[in-house]
Amino acid sequence: MAGYRGGFGGGFGGGNQMQQLMKQAQKMQEQMAQAQEELEEAEIVGESGGGLVQVVVNGKKAVSSITIKPEAVDPDDIEMLEDLILAALNNAYEEAEELYEEKMGKFGGAGLF
């Protein structure tokens, strides 16, 4: 067993290189946590009908509010209002997906959505 070195030596180039890898992994975890926090705090507004319906979501697609202007409410055409709400939600979700990819895509792996 000539040439054997115990510990992390040998094939890893010494403990110093392993320590560098650990520091890089820790830094990446911190960056991911920061990006997750930014996604949770983001406010993305999706709208439809020229602003008649607005939906606010965060970067993780959690809905925080829905605003419907009175002129969007026609008791004889509830389907139109439903369509406006869906369109506003989908608009907000698309923007949230883009923000998520911007913040988390650099870390690789599968997306949240």
PDB file of N, CA and C in Angstrom:
ATOM      1  N   MET A   1       0.816  -1.189   0.000  1.00  0.00           N
ATOM      2  CA  MET A   1       0.000   0.000   0.000  1.00  0.00           C
ATOM      3  C   MET A   1       0.856   1.246   0.000  1.00  0.00           C
ATOM      4  N   ALA A   2       1.872   1.220  -0.761  1.00  0.00           N
ATOM      5  CA  ALA A   2       2.742   2.390  -0.832  1.00  0.00           C
ATOM      6  C   ALA A   2       1.989   3.545  -1.482  1.00  0.00           C
ATOM      7  N   GLY A   3       2.201   4.754  -0.969  1.00  0.00           N
ATOM      8  CA  GLY A   3       1.592   5.938  -1.558  1.00  0.00           C
ATOM      9  C   GLY A   3       0.205   6.251  -1.019  1.00  0.00           C
ATOM     10  N   TYR A   4      -0.360   5.432  -0.120  1.00  0.00           N
ATOM     11  CA  TYR A   4      -1.690   5.703   0.418  1.00  0.00           C
ATOM     12  C   TYR A   4      -1.633   6.837   1.424  1.00  0.00           C
ATOM     13  N   ARG A   5      -2.557   7.784   1.262  1.00  0.00           N
ATOM     14  CA  ARG A   5      -2.700   8.855   2.247  1.00  0.00           C
ATOM     15  C   ARG A   5      -4.115   8.801   2.784  1.00  0.00           C
ATOM     16  N   GLY A   6      -4.244   8.878   4.052  1.00  0.00           N
ATOM     17  CA  GLY A   6      -5.564   8.803   4.676  1.00  0.00           C
ATOM     18  C   GLY A   6      -6.354  10.082   4.475  1.00  0.00           C
ATOM     19  N   GLY A   7      -7.544  10.107   5.001  1.00  0.00           N
ATOM     20  CA  GLY A   7      -8.394  11.301   4.947  1.00  0.00           C
ATOM     21  C   GLY A   7      -8.912  11.570   3.542  1.00  0.00           C
ATOM     22  N   PHE A   8      -9.047  12.846   3.221  1.00  0.00           N
ATOM     23  CA  PHE A   8      -9.562  13.250   1.920  1.00  0.00           C
ATOM     24  C   PHE A   8      -8.458  13.469   0.905  1.00  0.00           C
ATOM     25  N   GLY A   9      -7.259  13.053   1.213  1.00  0.00           N
ATOM     26  CA  GLY A   9      -6.138  13.244   0.300  1.00  0.00           C
ATOM     27  C   GLY A   9      -6.284  12.380  -0.934  1.00  0.00           C
ATOM     28  N   GLY A  10      -5.212  12.137  -1.599  1.00  0.00           N
ATOM     29  CA  GLY A  10      -5.232  11.263  -2.767  1.00  0.00           C
ATOM     30  C   GLY A  10      -6.008  11.849  -3.913  1.00  0.00           C
ATOM     31  N   GLY A  11      -7.089  11.191  -4.301  1.00  0.00           N
ATOM     32  CA  GLY A  11      -7.852  11.552  -5.492  1.00  0.00           C
ATOM     33  C   GLY A  11      -8.586  12.878  -5.421  1.00  0.00           C
ATOM     34  N   PHE A  12      -8.728  13.455  -4.231  1.00  0.00           N
ATOM     35  CA  PHE A  12      -9.472  14.709  -4.125  1.00  0.00           C
ATOM     36  C   PHE A  12      -8.573  15.937  -4.122  1.00  0.00           C
ATOM     37  N   GLY A  13      -7.275  15.744  -4.172  1.00  0.00           N
ATOM     38  CA  GLY A  13      -6.379  16.890  -4.204  1.00  0.00           C
ATOM     39  C   GLY A  13      -6.219  17.551  -2.848  1.00  0.00           C
ATOM     40  N   GLY A  14      -6.513  16.845  -1.800  1.00  0.00           N
ATOM     41  CA  GLY A  14      -6.301  17.370  -0.456  1.00  0.00           C
ATOM     42  C   GLY A  14      -7.559  17.967   0.141  1.00  0.00           C
ATOM     43  N   GLY A  15      -7.508  18.151   1.446  1.00  0.00           N
ATOM     44  CA  GLY A  15      -8.647  18.676   2.188  1.00  0.00           C
ATOM     45  C   GLY A  15      -9.010  20.089   1.804  1.00  0.00           C
ATOM     46  N   ASN A  16      -8.053  20.875   1.351  1.00  0.00           N
ATOM     47  CA  ASN A  16      -8.315  22.267   0.978  1.00  0.00           C
ATOM     48  C   ASN A  16      -9.315  22.353  -0.176  1.00  0.00           C
ATOM     49  N   GLN A  17      -9.173  21.481  -1.155  1.00  0.00           N
ATOM     50  CA  GLN A  17     -10.103  21.486  -2.292  1.00  0.00           C
ATOM     51  C   GLN A  17     -11.499  21.067  -1.833  1.00  0.00           C
ATOM     52  N   MET A  18     -11.573  20.105  -0.936  1.00  0.00           N
ATOM     53  CA  MET A  18     -12.871  19.670  -0.413  1.00  0.00           C
ATOM     54  C   MET A  18     -13.526  20.813   0.367  1.00  0.00           C
ATOM     55  N   GLN A  19     -12.706  21.538   1.117  1.00  0.00           N
ATOM     56  CA  GLN A  19     -13.219  22.676   1.875  1.00  0.00           C
ATOM     57  C   GLN A  19     -13.772  23.744   0.924  1.00  0.00           C
ATOM     58  N   GLN A  20     -13.100  23.974  -0.191  1.00  0.00           N
ATOM     59  CA  GLN A  20     -13.578  24.931  -1.199  1.00  0.00           C
ATOM     60  C   GLN A  20     -14.923  24.493  -1.770  1.00  0.00           C
ATOM     61  N   LEU A  21     -15.064  23.195  -2.049  1.00  0.00           N
ATOM     62  CA  LEU A  21     -16.331  22.677  -2.573  1.00  0.00           C
ATOM     63  C   LEU A  21     -17.459  22.869  -1.565  1.00  0.00           C
ATOM     64  N   MET A  22     -17.148  22.640  -0.306  1.00  0.00           N
ATOM     65  CA  MET A  22     -18.157  22.814   0.742  1.00  0.00           C
ATOM     66  C   MET A  22     -18.573  24.286   0.842  1.00  0.00           C
ATOM     67  N   LYS A  23     -17.619  25.193   0.744  1.00  0.00           N
ATOM     68  CA  LYS A  23     -17.929  26.623   0.788  1.00  0.00           C
ATOM     69  C   LYS A  23     -18.804  27.022  -0.403  1.00  0.00           C
ATOM     70  N   GLN A  24     -18.493  26.480  -1.581  1.00  0.00           N
ATOM     71  CA  GLN A  24     -19.288  26.784  -2.776  1.00  0.00           C
ATOM     72  C   GLN A  24     -20.707  26.266  -2.630  1.00  0.00           C
ATOM     73  N   ALA A  25     -20.839  25.049  -2.078  1.00  0.00           N
ATOM     74  CA  ALA A  25     -22.174  24.472  -1.873  1.00  0.00           C
ATOM     75  C   ALA A  25     -22.970  25.303  -0.882  1.00  0.00           C
ATOM     76  N   GLN A  26     -22.321  25.754   0.191  1.00  0.00           N
ATOM     77  CA  GLN A  26     -23.001  26.583   1.177  1.00  0.00           C
ATOM     78  C   GLN A  26     -23.431  27.916   0.566  1.00  0.00           C
ATOM     79  N   LYS A  27     -22.570  28.509  -0.247  1.00  0.00           N
ATOM     80  CA  LYS A  27     -22.909  29.776  -0.896  1.00  0.00           C
ATOM     81  C   LYS A  27     -24.106  29.595  -1.831  1.00  0.00           C
ATOM     82  N   MET A  28     -24.132  28.485  -2.563  1.00  0.00           N
ATOM     83  CA  MET A  28     -25.245  28.225  -3.467  1.00  0.00           C
ATOM     84  C   MET A  28     -26.540  28.040  -2.678  1.00  0.00           C
ATOM     85  N   GLN A  29     -26.473  27.362  -1.537  1.00  0.00           N
ATOM     86  CA  GLN A  29     -27.660  27.195  -0.703  1.00  0.00           C
ATOM     87  C   GLN A  29     -28.169  28.551  -0.218  1.00  0.00           C
ATOM     88  N   GLU A  30     -27.265  29.430   0.161  1.00  0.00           N
ATOM     89  CA  GLU A  30     -27.651  30.765   0.608  1.00  0.00           C
ATOM     90  C   GLU A  30     -28.299  31.549  -0.533  1.00  0.00           C
ATOM     91  N   GLN A  31     -27.734  31.432  -1.733  1.00  0.00           N
ATOM     92  CA  GLN A  31     -28.298  32.128  -2.888  1.00  0.00           C
ATOM     93  C   GLN A  31     -29.683  31.588  -3.223  1.00  0.00           C
ATOM     94  N   MET A  32     -29.861  30.265  -3.115  1.00  0.00           N
ATOM     95  CA  MET A  32     -31.167  29.670  -3.378  1.00  0.00           C
ATOM     96  C   MET A  32     -32.192  30.152  -2.358  1.00  0.00           C
ATOM     97  N   ALA A  33     -31.801  30.209  -1.093  1.00  0.00           N
ATOM     98  CA  ALA A  33     -32.709  30.680  -0.045  1.00  0.00           C
ATOM     99  C   ALA A  33     -33.107  32.129  -0.304  1.00  0.00           C
ATOM    100  N   GLN A  34     -32.153  32.945  -0.724  1.00  0.00           N
ATOM    101  CA  GLN A  34     -32.435  34.347  -1.040  1.00  0.00           C
ATOM    102  C   GLN A  34     -33.407  34.448  -2.222  1.00  0.00           C
ATOM    103  N   ALA A  35     -33.180  33.645  -3.247  1.00  0.00           N
ATOM    104  CA  ALA A  35     -34.060  33.657  -4.425  1.00  0.00           C
ATOM    105  C   ALA A  35     -35.468  33.204  -4.044  1.00  0.00           C
ATOM    106  N   GLN A  36     -35.566  32.180  -3.180  1.00  0.00           N
ATOM    107  CA  GLN A  36     -36.882  31.711  -2.725  1.00  0.00           C
ATOM    108  C   GLN A  36     -37.614  32.823  -1.975  1.00  0.00           C
ATOM    109  N   GLU A  37     -36.888  33.541  -1.129  1.00  0.00           N
ATOM    110  CA  GLU A  37     -37.481  34.639  -0.377  1.00  0.00           C
ATOM    111  C   GLU A  37     -37.968  35.746  -1.316  1.00  0.00           C
ATOM    112  N   GLU A  38     -37.161  36.053  -2.336  1.00  0.00           N
ATOM    113  CA  GLU A  38     -37.554  37.076  -3.306  1.00  0.00           C
ATOM    114  C   GLU A  38     -38.816  36.657  -4.051  1.00  0.00           C
ATOM    115  N   LEU A  39     -38.931  35.371  -4.369  1.00  0.00           N
ATOM    116  CA  LEU A  39     -40.129  34.879  -5.049  1.00  0.00           C
ATOM    117  C   LEU A  39     -41.367  35.023  -4.156  1.00  0.00           C
ATOM    118  N   GLU A  40     -41.209  34.711  -2.882  1.00  0.00           N
ATOM    119  CA  GLU A  40     -42.337  34.809  -1.960  1.00  0.00           C
ATOM    120  C   GLU A  40     -42.775  36.251  -1.755  1.00  0.00           C
ATOM    121  N   GLU A  41     -41.829  37.187  -1.816  1.00  0.00           N
ATOM    122  CA  GLU A  41     -42.142  38.597  -1.571  1.00  0.00           C
ATOM    123  C   GLU A  41     -42.575  39.346  -2.830  1.00  0.00           C
ATOM    124  N   ALA A  42     -42.349  38.774  -3.994  1.00  0.00           N
ATOM    125  CA  ALA A  42     -42.692  39.449  -5.254  1.00  0.00           C
ATOM    126  C   ALA A  42     -44.203  39.628  -5.367  1.00  0.00           C
ATOM    127  N   GLU A  43     -44.603  40.719  -5.992  1.00  0.00           N
ATOM    128  CA  GLU A  43     -46.015  40.954  -6.294  1.00  0.00           C
ATOM    129  C   GLU A  43     -46.150  41.119  -7.793  1.00  0.00           C
ATOM    130  N   ILE A  44     -46.832  40.175  -8.408  1.00  0.00           N
ATOM    131  CA  ILE A  44     -47.016  40.161  -9.852  1.00  0.00           C
ATOM    132  C   ILE A  44     -48.491  40.396 -10.129  1.00  0.00           C
ATOM    133  N   VAL A  45     -48.772  41.381 -10.963  1.00  0.00           N
ATOM    134  CA  VAL A  45     -50.158  41.718 -11.280  1.00  0.00           C
ATOM    135  C   VAL A  45     -50.485  41.196 -12.669  1.00  0.00           C
ATOM    136  N   GLY A  46     -51.516  40.367 -12.740  1.00  0.00           N
ATOM    137  CA  GLY A  46     -52.060  39.926 -14.015  1.00  0.00           C
ATOM    138  C   GLY A  46     -53.396  40.609 -14.196  1.00  0.00           C
ATOM    139  N   GLU A  47     -53.686  41.010 -15.421  1.00  0.00           N
ATOM    140  CA  GLU A  47     -54.965  41.674 -15.630  1.00  0.00           C
ATOM    141  C   GLU A  47     -55.596  41.243 -16.948  1.00  0.00           C
ATOM    142  N   SER A  48     -56.882  41.535 -17.027  1.00  0.00           N
ATOM    143  CA  SER A  48     -57.615  41.245 -18.262  1.00  0.00           C
ATOM    144  C   SER A  48     -58.709  42.284 -18.419  1.00  0.00           C
ATOM    145  N   GLY A  49     -59.277  42.311 -19.612  1.00  0.00           N
ATOM    146  CA  GLY A  49     -60.350  43.260 -19.889  1.00  0.00           C
ATOM    147  C   GLY A  49     -59.893  44.700 -19.756  1.00  0.00           C
ATOM    148  N   GLY A  50     -58.646  44.965 -20.129  1.00  0.00           N
ATOM    149  CA  GLY A  50     -58.131  46.324 -20.026  1.00  0.00           C
ATOM    150  C   GLY A  50     -58.064  46.830 -18.595  1.00  0.00           C
ATOM    151  N   GLY A  51     -57.845  45.925 -17.660  1.00  0.00           N
ATOM    152  CA  GLY A  51     -57.729  46.308 -16.259  1.00  0.00           C
ATOM    153  C   GLY A  51     -59.010  46.143 -15.462  1.00  0.00           C
ATOM    154  N   LEU A  52     -60.053  45.604 -16.086  1.00  0.00           N
ATOM    155  CA  LEU A  52     -61.306  45.385 -15.354  1.00  0.00           C
ATOM    156  C   LEU A  52     -61.127  44.376 -14.226  1.00  0.00           C
ATOM    157  N   VAL A  53     -60.269  43.382 -14.473  1.00  0.00           N
ATOM    158  CA  VAL A  53     -59.975  42.377 -13.458  1.00  0.00           C
ATOM    159  C   VAL A  53     -58.470  42.321 -13.271  1.00  0.00           C
ATOM    160  N   GLN A  54     -58.043  42.406 -12.006  1.00  0.00           N
ATOM    161  CA  GLN A  54     -56.630  42.296 -11.677  1.00  0.00           C
ATOM    162  C   GLN A  54     -56.452  41.225 -10.611  1.00  0.00           C
ATOM    163  N   VAL A  55     -55.399  40.424 -10.807  1.00  0.00           N
ATOM    164  CA  VAL A  55     -55.050  39.375  -9.855  1.00  0.00           C
ATOM    165  C   VAL A  55     -53.601  39.596  -9.456  1.00  0.00           C
ATOM    166  N   VAL A  56     -53.337  39.548  -8.155  1.00  0.00           N
ATOM    167  CA  VAL A  56     -51.973  39.696  -7.658  1.00  0.00           C
ATOM    168  C   VAL A  56     -51.524  38.341  -7.096  1.00  0.00           C
ATOM    169  N   VAL A  57     -50.367  37.879  -7.589  1.00  0.00           N
ATOM    170  CA  VAL A  57     -49.774  36.633  -7.103  1.00  0.00           C
ATOM    171  C   VAL A  57     -48.324  36.915  -6.725  1.00  0.00           C
ATOM    172  N   ASN A  58     -47.739  35.985  -5.958  1.00  0.00           N
ATOM    173  CA  ASN A  58     -46.315  36.104  -5.698  1.00  0.00           C
ATOM    174  C   ASN A  58     -45.564  35.223  -6.701  1.00  0.00           C
ATOM    175  N   GLY A  59     -44.253  35.177  -6.585  1.00  0.00           N
ATOM    176  CA  GLY A  59     -43.439  34.405  -7.526  1.00  0.00           C
ATOM    177  C   GLY A  59     -43.626  32.906  -7.419  1.00  0.00           C
ATOM    178  N   LYS A  60     -44.364  32.464  -6.412  1.00  0.00           N
ATOM    179  CA  LYS A  60     -44.671  31.039  -6.268  1.00  0.00           C
ATOM    180  C   LYS A  60     -46.127  30.747  -6.615  1.00  0.00           C
ATOM    181  N   LYS A  61     -46.767  31.709  -7.264  1.00  0.00           N
ATOM    182  CA  LYS A  61     -48.145  31.604  -7.762  1.00  0.00           C
ATOM    183  C   LYS A  61     -49.207  31.526  -6.667  1.00  0.00           C
ATOM    184  N   ALA A  62     -48.916  32.071  -5.501  1.00  0.00           N
ATOM    185  CA  ALA A  62     -49.930  32.156  -4.459  1.00  0.00           C
ATOM    186  C   ALA A  62     -50.696  33.459  -4.669  1.00  0.00           C
ATOM    187  N   VAL A  63     -52.013  33.362  -4.816  1.00  0.00           N
ATOM    188  CA  VAL A  63     -52.854  34.532  -5.066  1.00  0.00           C
ATOM    189  C   VAL A  63     -53.019  35.312  -3.764  1.00  0.00           C
ATOM    190  N   SER A  64     -52.735  36.617  -3.818  1.00  0.00           N
ATOM    191  CA  SER A  64     -52.899  37.446  -2.620  1.00  0.00           C
ATOM    192  C   SER A  64     -54.110  38.367  -2.723  1.00  0.00           C
ATOM    193  N   SER A  65     -54.542  38.699  -3.953  1.00  0.00           N
ATOM    194  CA  SER A  65     -55.738  39.521  -4.086  1.00  0.00           C
ATOM    195  C   SER A  65     -56.304  39.438  -5.500  1.00  0.00           C
ATOM    196  N   ILE A  66     -57.599  39.722  -5.553  1.00  0.00           N
ATOM    197  CA  ILE A  66     -58.306  39.830  -6.830  1.00  0.00           C
ATOM    198  C   ILE A  66     -59.136  41.108  -6.748  1.00  0.00           C
ATOM    199  N   THR A  67     -59.019  41.956  -7.769  1.00  0.00           N
ATOM    200  CA  THR A  67     -59.780  43.196  -7.819  1.00  0.00           C
ATOM    201  C   THR A  67     -60.655  43.166  -9.068  1.00  0.00           C
ATOM    202  N   ILE A  68     -61.944  43.417  -8.867  1.00  0.00           N
ATOM    203  CA  ILE A  68     -62.892  43.426  -9.985  1.00  0.00           C
ATOM    204  C   ILE A  68     -63.595  44.772  -9.979  1.00  0.00           C
ATOM    205  N   LYS A  69     -63.446  45.507 -11.069  1.00  0.00           N
ATOM    206  CA  LYS A  69     -64.118  46.806 -11.178  1.00  0.00           C
ATOM    207  C   LYS A  69     -65.621  46.571 -11.390  1.00  0.00           C
ATOM    208  N   PRO A  70     -66.436  47.429 -10.836  1.00  0.00           N
ATOM    209  CA  PRO A  70     -67.891  47.247 -10.926  1.00  0.00           C
ATOM    210  C   PRO A  70     -68.405  47.080 -12.354  1.00  0.00           C
ATOM    211  N   GLU A  71     -67.804  47.801 -13.300  1.00  0.00           N
ATOM    212  CA  GLU A  71     -68.302  47.705 -14.683  1.00  0.00           C
ATOM    213  C   GLU A  71     -68.047  46.330 -15.307  1.00  0.00           C
ATOM    214  N   ALA A  72     -67.238  45.494 -14.643  1.00  0.00           N
ATOM    215  CA  ALA A  72     -66.992  44.136 -15.144  1.00  0.00           C
ATOM    216  C   ALA A  72     -68.109  43.187 -14.722  1.00  0.00           C
ATOM    217  N   VAL A  73     -68.947  43.624 -13.804  1.00  0.00           N
ATOM    218  CA  VAL A  73     -69.993  42.771 -13.253  1.00  0.00           C
ATOM    219  C   VAL A  73     -71.307  43.021 -13.987  1.00  0.00           C
ATOM    220  N   ASP A  74     -71.700  42.044 -14.775  1.00  0.00           N
ATOM    221  CA  ASP A  74     -72.981  42.079 -15.475  1.00  0.00           C
ATOM    222  C   ASP A  74     -73.744  40.827 -15.046  1.00  0.00           C
ATOM    223  N   PRO A  75     -74.774  40.986 -14.224  1.00  0.00           N
ATOM    224  CA  PRO A  75     -75.510  39.808 -13.732  1.00  0.00           C
ATOM    225  C   PRO A  75     -76.053  38.914 -14.843  1.00  0.00           C
ATOM    226  N   ASP A  76     -76.218  39.482 -16.032  1.00  0.00           N
ATOM    227  CA  ASP A  76     -76.727  38.686 -17.146  1.00  0.00           C
ATOM    228  C   ASP A  76     -75.614  37.982 -17.911  1.00  0.00           C
ATOM    229  N   ASP A  77     -74.358  38.250 -17.541  1.00  0.00           N
ATOM    230  CA  ASP A  77     -73.238  37.638 -18.265  1.00  0.00           C
ATOM    231  C   ASP A  77     -72.126  37.247 -17.282  1.00  0.00           C
ATOM    232  N   ILE A  78     -72.455  36.345 -16.390  1.00  0.00           N
ATOM    233  CA  ILE A  78     -71.498  35.867 -15.389  1.00  0.00           C
ATOM    234  C   ILE A  78     -70.326  35.155 -16.073  1.00  0.00           C
ATOM    235  N   GLU A  79     -70.586  34.484 -17.172  1.00  0.00           N
ATOM    236  CA  GLU A  79     -69.514  33.775 -17.888  1.00  0.00           C
ATOM    237  C   GLU A  79     -68.399  34.721 -18.321  1.00  0.00           C
ATOM    238  N   MET A  80     -68.751  35.923 -18.722  1.00  0.00           N
ATOM    239  CA  MET A  80     -67.733  36.894 -19.133  1.00  0.00           C
ATOM    240  C   MET A  80     -66.828  37.229 -17.949  1.00  0.00           C
ATOM    241  N   LEU A  81     -67.409  37.446 -16.786  1.00  0.00           N
ATOM    242  CA  LEU A  81     -66.621  37.741 -15.592  1.00  0.00           C
ATOM    243  C   LEU A  81     -65.717  36.558 -15.241  1.00  0.00           C
ATOM    244  N   GLU A  82     -66.248  35.363 -15.322  1.00  0.00           N
ATOM    245  CA  GLU A  82     -65.437  34.168 -15.057  1.00  0.00           C
ATOM    246  C   GLU A  82     -64.260  34.089 -16.024  1.00  0.00           C
ATOM    247  N   ASP A  83     -64.518  34.378 -17.289  1.00  0.00           N
ATOM    248  CA  ASP A  83     -63.449  34.365 -18.293  1.00  0.00           C
ATOM    249  C   ASP A  83     -62.396  35.432 -18.004  1.00  0.00           C
ATOM    250  N   LEU A  84     -62.837  36.606 -17.576  1.00  0.00           N
ATOM    251  CA  LEU A  84     -61.901  37.680 -17.238  1.00  0.00           C
ATOM    252  C   LEU A  84     -61.013  37.289 -16.054  1.00  0.00           C
ATOM    253  N   ILE A  85     -61.609  36.642 -15.059  1.00  0.00           N
ATOM    254  CA  ILE A  85     -60.833  36.202 -13.899  1.00  0.00           C
ATOM    255  C   ILE A  85     -59.808  35.150 -14.310  1.00  0.00           C
ATOM    256  N   LEU A  86     -60.233  34.189 -15.107  1.00  0.00           N
ATOM    257  CA  LEU A  86     -59.299  33.155 -15.578  1.00  0.00           C
ATOM    258  C   LEU A  86     -58.166  33.753 -16.398  1.00  0.00           C
ATOM    259  N   ALA A  87     -58.506  34.688 -17.264  1.00  0.00           N
ATOM    260  CA  ALA A  87     -57.484  35.313 -18.101  1.00  0.00           C
ATOM    261  C   ALA A  87     -56.482  36.086 -17.250  1.00  0.00           C
ATOM    262  N   ALA A  88     -56.972  36.800 -16.239  1.00  0.00           N
ATOM    263  CA  ALA A  88     -56.078  37.554 -15.355  1.00  0.00           C
ATOM    264  C   ALA A  88     -55.182  36.600 -14.558  1.00  0.00           C
ATOM    265  N   LEU A  89     -55.744  35.509 -14.065  1.00  0.00           N
ATOM    266  CA  LEU A  89     -54.945  34.511 -13.345  1.00  0.00           C
ATOM    267  C   LEU A  89     -53.860  33.929 -14.241  1.00  0.00           C
ATOM    268  N   ASN A  90     -54.243  33.531 -15.435  1.00  0.00           N
ATOM    269  CA  ASN A  90     -53.273  32.946 -16.358  1.00  0.00           C
ATOM    270  C   ASN A  90     -52.173  33.940 -16.716  1.00  0.00           C
ATOM    271  N   ASN A  91     -52.537  35.205 -16.878  1.00  0.00           N
ATOM    272  CA  ASN A  91     -51.550  36.242 -17.161  1.00  0.00           C
ATOM    273  C   ASN A  91     -50.562  36.369 -16.004  1.00  0.00           C
ATOM    274  N   ALA A  92     -51.074  36.402 -14.783  1.00  0.00           N
ATOM    275  CA  ALA A  92     -50.211  36.510 -13.604  1.00  0.00           C
ATOM    276  C   ALA A  92     -49.330  35.271 -13.469  1.00  0.00           C
ATOM    277  N   TYR A  93     -49.897  34.093 -13.711  1.00  0.00           N
ATOM    278  CA  TYR A  93     -49.124  32.847 -13.596  1.00  0.00           C
ATOM    279  C   TYR A  93     -47.993  32.790 -14.613  1.00  0.00           C
ATOM    280  N   GLU A  94     -48.251  33.266 -15.827  1.00  0.00           N
ATOM    281  CA  GLU A  94     -47.185  33.281 -16.848  1.00  0.00           C
ATOM    282  C   GLU A  94     -46.031  34.163 -16.392  1.00  0.00           C
ATOM    283  N   GLU A  95     -46.362  35.328 -15.852  1.00  0.00           N
ATOM    284  CA  GLU A  95     -45.312  36.229 -15.379  1.00  0.00           C
ATOM    285  C   GLU A  95     -44.587  35.647 -14.168  1.00  0.00           C
ATOM    286  N   ALA A  96     -45.326  34.954 -13.295  1.00  0.00           N
ATOM    287  CA  ALA A  96     -44.704  34.318 -12.128  1.00  0.00           C
ATOM    288  C   ALA A  96     -43.747  33.216 -12.578  1.00  0.00           C
ATOM    289  N   GLU A  97     -44.123  32.477 -13.596  1.00  0.00           N
ATOM    290  CA  GLU A  97     -43.258  31.413 -14.124  1.00  0.00           C
ATOM    291  C   GLU A  97     -41.962  32.008 -14.674  1.00  0.00           C
ATOM    292  N   GLU A  98     -42.074  33.117 -15.391  1.00  0.00           N
ATOM    293  CA  GLU A  98     -40.887  33.779 -15.933  1.00  0.00           C
ATOM    294  C   GLU A  98     -39.971  34.255 -14.805  1.00  0.00           C
ATOM    295  N   LEU A  99     -40.556  34.833 -13.761  1.00  0.00           N
ATOM    296  CA  LEU A  99     -39.767  35.290 -12.626  1.00  0.00           C
ATOM    297  C   LEU A  99     -39.094  34.108 -11.936  1.00  0.00           C
ATOM    298  N   TYR A 100     -39.835  33.017 -11.775  1.00  0.00           N
ATOM    299  CA  TYR A 100     -39.278  31.818 -11.138  1.00  0.00           C
ATOM    300  C   TYR A 100     -38.077  31.310 -11.926  1.00  0.00           C
ATOM    301  N   GLU A 101     -38.219  31.230 -13.232  1.00  0.00           N
ATOM    302  CA  GLU A 101     -37.111  30.750 -14.072  1.00  0.00           C
ATOM    303  C   GLU A 101     -35.915  31.692 -13.986  1.00  0.00           C
ATOM    304  N   GLU A 102     -36.192  32.984 -13.923  1.00  0.00           N
ATOM    305  CA  GLU A 102     -35.111  33.972 -13.811  1.00  0.00           C
ATOM    306  C   GLU A 102     -34.353  33.787 -12.495  1.00  0.00           C
ATOM    307  N   LYS A 103     -35.095  33.560 -11.406  1.00  0.00           N
ATOM    308  CA  LYS A 103     -34.478  33.463 -10.085  1.00  0.00           C
ATOM    309  C   LYS A 103     -33.897  32.073  -9.803  1.00  0.00           C
ATOM    310  N   MET A 104     -34.582  31.028 -10.237  1.00  0.00           N
ATOM    311  CA  MET A 104     -34.199  29.674  -9.838  1.00  0.00           C
ATOM    312  C   MET A 104     -33.567  28.850 -10.952  1.00  0.00           C
ATOM    313  N   GLY A 105     -33.731  29.264 -12.204  1.00  0.00           N
ATOM    314  CA  GLY A 105     -33.203  28.494 -13.327  1.00  0.00           C
ATOM    315  C   GLY A 105     -31.702  28.288 -13.261  1.00  0.00           C
ATOM    316  N   LYS A 106     -30.992  29.246 -12.696  1.00  0.00           N
ATOM    317  CA  LYS A 106     -29.535  29.146 -12.633  1.00  0.00           C
ATOM    318  C   LYS A 106     -29.084  28.054 -11.669  1.00  0.00           C
ATOM    319  N   PHE A 107     -29.999  27.541 -10.839  1.00  0.00           N
ATOM    320  CA  PHE A 107     -29.634  26.480  -9.920  1.00  0.00           C
ATOM    321  C   PHE A 107     -29.905  25.091 -10.510  1.00  0.00           C
ATOM    322  N   GLY A 108     -30.446  25.035 -11.716  1.00  0.00           N
ATOM    323  CA  GLY A 108     -30.678  23.765 -12.398  1.00  0.00           C
ATOM    324  C   GLY A 108     -31.821  22.985 -11.758  1.00  0.00           C
ATOM    325  N   GLY A 109     -32.055  21.807 -12.260  1.00  0.00           N
ATOM    326  CA  GLY A 109     -33.096  20.956 -11.703  1.00  0.00           C
ATOM    327  C   GLY A 109     -34.460  21.336 -12.229  1.00  0.00           C
ATOM    328  N   ALA A 110     -35.446  20.585 -11.781  1.00  0.00           N
ATOM    329  CA  ALA A 110     -36.824  20.794 -12.227  1.00  0.00           C
ATOM    330  C   ALA A 110     -37.416  22.017 -11.540  1.00  0.00           C
ATOM    331  N   GLY A 111     -38.314  22.684 -12.236  1.00  0.00           N
ATOM    332  CA  GLY A 111     -38.969  23.861 -11.703  1.00  0.00           C
ATOM    333  C   GLY A 111     -40.019  23.507 -10.679  1.00  0.00           C
ATOM    334  N   LEU A 112     -40.494  24.523  -9.996  1.00  0.00           N
ATOM    335  CA  LEU A 112     -41.532  24.360  -8.982  1.00  0.00           C
ATOM    336  C   LEU A 112     -42.869  24.045  -9.633  1.00  0.00           C
ATOM    337  N   PHE A 113     -43.050  24.543 -10.824  1.00  0.00           N
ATOM    338  CA  PHE A 113     -44.360  24.463 -11.455  1.00  0.00           C
ATOM    339  C   PHE A 113     -44.385  23.361 -12.457  1.00  0.00           C
TER     340      PHE A 113
END
